[in-house]
Amino acid sequence: MSQTPGATARGAGRMGRRLFLDGFLGTAVAALAAAVVYPVLRYISPPRIPEATSNRVLAGKLSELRQEGWKIFPFGSEAGILIEKAPGELVALSATCTHLECTVQFDKPSKRIWCACHNGYYDLSGRNVSGPPPRPLTSYEVQVVGDDIFVTRS
């Protein structure tokens, strides 16, 4: 049985379309899998936050600290709190609560450091006064150079 020239061309066209559709569907499934797997992998391994390269950071300026009386500042991957106890008397502490690592704040009326997570309090020296915090806050050294406030790990 001999084939007509037109039948061979139609069969080749079907095979070409089938290969195209197979390739297209394979690419679409691979792209969908990548779109699902990539965010999951990024979530499982979050990006690293660089640690402070030095033990000294510029925490702020005296002029901006005088407005509120306190300030949260970044210290590498951690947070620090800078408080003006009295005019010219500054204290810097870790702003990470020792209970569940929440960020603490300064409570002006009581003149204490407060952790909102479980109502824990620290005094201005960083000692835990009440609530669940088990340890005091880490204290830092403060140096004022002109209007700049530098904080150094002890």
Protein backbone atom coordinates (compact mmCIF):
# COMPACT_ATOMS: atom_id res chain seq x y z
CA MET A 1 0.00 0.00 0.00
CA SER A 2 1.45 3.25 -1.04
CA GLN A 3 0.83 6.55 0.67
CA THR A 4 -0.11 9.68 -1.10
CA PRO A 5 2.23 12.63 -0.74
CA GLY A 6 -0.47 14.64 1.11
CA ALA A 7 -0.97 11.95 3.79
CA THR A 8 2.69 12.00 4.71
CA ALA A 9 2.66 15.77 5.14
CA ARG A 10 -0.45 15.64 7.36
CA GLY A 11 1.11 12.95 9.59
CA ALA A 12 4.30 14.97 9.95
CA GLY A 13 2.25 18.06 10.85
CA ARG A 14 0.41 16.16 13.59
CA MET A 15 3.64 14.86 14.99
CA GLY A 16 5.10 18.38 14.96
CA ARG A 17 2.08 19.80 16.79
CA ARG A 18 2.16 16.97 19.31
CA LEU A 19 5.84 17.58 20.05
CA PHE A 20 5.16 21.30 20.37
CA LEU A 21 2.25 20.73 22.81
CA ASP A 22 4.27 18.20 24.82
CA GLY A 23 7.14 20.67 25.09
CA PHE A 24 4.81 23.55 25.94
CA LEU A 25 2.99 21.57 28.67
CA GLY A 26 6.29 20.29 30.09
CA THR A 27 7.65 23.83 30.28
CA ALA A 28 4.43 25.13 31.87
CA VAL A 29 4.47 22.38 34.54
CA ALA A 30 8.17 23.03 35.27
CA ALA A 31 7.50 26.78 35.60
CA LEU A 32 4.56 26.12 37.95
CA ALA A 33 6.67 23.78 40.07
CA ALA A 34 9.45 26.37 40.26
CA ALA A 35 6.93 29.09 41.19
CA VAL A 36 5.71 26.94 44.09
CA VAL A 37 9.01 25.46 45.28
CA TYR A 38 11.16 28.63 45.17
CA PRO A 39 9.15 30.65 47.76
CA VAL A 40 9.00 27.61 50.03
CA LEU A 41 12.78 27.22 49.88
CA ARG A 42 13.28 30.97 50.51
CA TYR A 43 10.98 30.74 53.55
CA ILE A 44 12.82 27.73 54.96
CA SER A 45 16.21 29.43 54.64
CA PRO A 46 15.72 33.17 55.30
CA PRO A 47 18.47 35.58 54.28
CA ARG A 48 21.23 36.20 56.79
CA ILE A 49 21.24 39.56 58.52
CA PRO A 50 24.80 40.81 58.72
CA GLU A 51 26.15 41.24 62.22
CA ALA A 52 27.67 44.56 63.17
CA THR A 53 31.21 44.62 61.83
CA SER A 54 32.36 46.73 64.76
CA ASN A 55 31.48 47.02 68.39
CA ARG A 56 30.68 50.71 68.01
CA VAL A 57 27.71 52.29 66.22
CA LEU A 58 26.31 55.76 65.77
CA ALA A 59 23.08 55.51 67.78
CA GLY A 60 21.75 58.96 67.02
CA LYS A 61 22.08 62.66 67.69
CA LEU A 62 21.56 64.55 70.94
CA SER A 63 19.13 66.91 69.22
CA GLU A 64 16.80 64.08 68.14
CA LEU A 65 17.05 62.29 71.49
CA ARG A 66 15.93 65.38 73.43
CA GLN A 67 12.56 65.42 71.62
CA GLU A 68 11.31 62.08 73.03
CA GLY A 69 13.88 61.30 75.68
CA TRP A 70 14.57 57.85 74.25
CA LYS A 71 15.26 56.06 70.99
CA ILE A 72 15.49 52.53 69.59
CA PHE A 73 18.57 52.10 67.37
CA PRO A 74 19.94 49.19 65.30
CA PHE A 75 23.02 47.42 66.63
CA GLY A 76 23.85 44.81 63.99
CA SER A 77 21.06 42.24 63.98
CA GLU A 78 19.83 43.36 67.39
CA ALA A 79 18.12 46.49 68.66
CA GLY A 80 19.36 48.83 71.35
CA ILE A 81 17.55 51.44 73.42
CA LEU A 82 19.09 54.81 74.25
CA ILE A 83 17.54 56.77 77.13
CA GLU A 84 18.29 60.22 78.54
CA LYS A 85 17.91 59.68 82.31
CA ALA A 86 18.67 63.33 83.10
CA PRO A 87 20.09 66.18 81.02
CA GLY A 88 23.50 65.00 79.88
CA GLU A 89 23.11 61.53 81.46
CA LEU A 90 22.59 58.83 78.84
CA VAL A 91 22.17 55.08 79.19
CA ALA A 92 22.22 52.48 76.41
CA LEU A 93 20.92 48.93 76.81
CA SER A 94 19.91 46.01 74.66
CA ALA A 95 16.30 46.52 73.54
CA THR A 96 15.62 42.78 73.42
CA CYS A 97 13.62 41.46 76.40
CA THR A 98 15.29 38.52 78.11
CA HIS A 99 11.96 36.67 78.41
CA LEU A 100 10.75 36.08 74.83
CA GLU A 101 12.96 38.51 72.90
CA CYS A 102 10.31 41.18 72.30
CA THR A 103 11.50 44.76 71.76
CA VAL A 104 11.22 46.89 74.90
CA GLN A 105 10.16 50.54 75.15
CA PHE A 106 10.72 53.37 77.59
CA ASP A 107 7.72 54.19 79.79
CA LYS A 108 8.18 57.90 80.55
CA PRO A 109 5.63 58.26 83.40
CA SER A 110 7.11 55.41 85.46
CA LYS A 111 10.70 56.06 84.28
CA ARG A 112 11.13 52.35 83.60
CA ILE A 113 11.74 50.16 80.58
CA TRP A 114 8.66 48.18 79.64
CA CYS A 115 8.15 44.99 77.63
CA ALA A 116 4.66 44.95 76.17
CA CYS A 117 4.61 41.19 75.47
CA HIS A 118 4.08 40.07 79.07
CA ASN A 119 4.15 43.36 80.99
CA GLY A 120 7.72 43.02 82.22
CA TYR A 121 9.60 46.01 83.66
CA TYR A 122 13.28 46.90 83.95
CA ASP A 123 14.82 49.84 85.79
CA LEU A 124 17.05 52.33 83.95
CA SER A 125 20.11 50.25 84.80
CA GLY A 126 18.59 47.29 82.94
CA ARG A 127 17.79 45.19 86.03
CA ASN A 128 14.54 43.26 85.82
CA VAL A 129 12.06 44.74 88.33
CA SER A 130 8.80 42.90 87.74
CA GLY A 131 7.12 40.48 85.40
CA PRO A 132 8.55 37.38 83.74
CA PRO A 133 11.96 38.59 82.45
CA PRO A 134 14.56 36.25 84.01
CA ARG A 135 17.71 38.32 83.42
CA PRO A 136 18.71 41.97 83.19
CA LEU A 137 19.25 43.73 79.86
CA THR A 138 22.78 43.95 78.48
CA SER A 139 24.26 47.39 79.05
CA TYR A 140 26.41 49.32 76.58
CA GLU A 141 28.86 52.19 76.94
CA VAL A 142 27.78 55.62 75.67
CA GLN A 143 30.11 58.28 74.25
CA VAL A 144 29.03 61.72 73.07
CA VAL A 145 31.14 63.44 70.42
CA GLY A 146 29.66 66.82 69.53
CA ASP A 147 26.01 66.10 68.65
CA ASP A 148 26.70 62.43 67.82
CA ILE A 149 25.98 59.62 70.30
CA PHE A 150 28.11 56.51 69.90
CA VAL A 151 27.31 53.22 71.64
CA THR A 152 29.94 50.55 72.26
CA ARG A 153 29.53 46.96 73.42
CA SER A 154 31.12 46.49 76.81
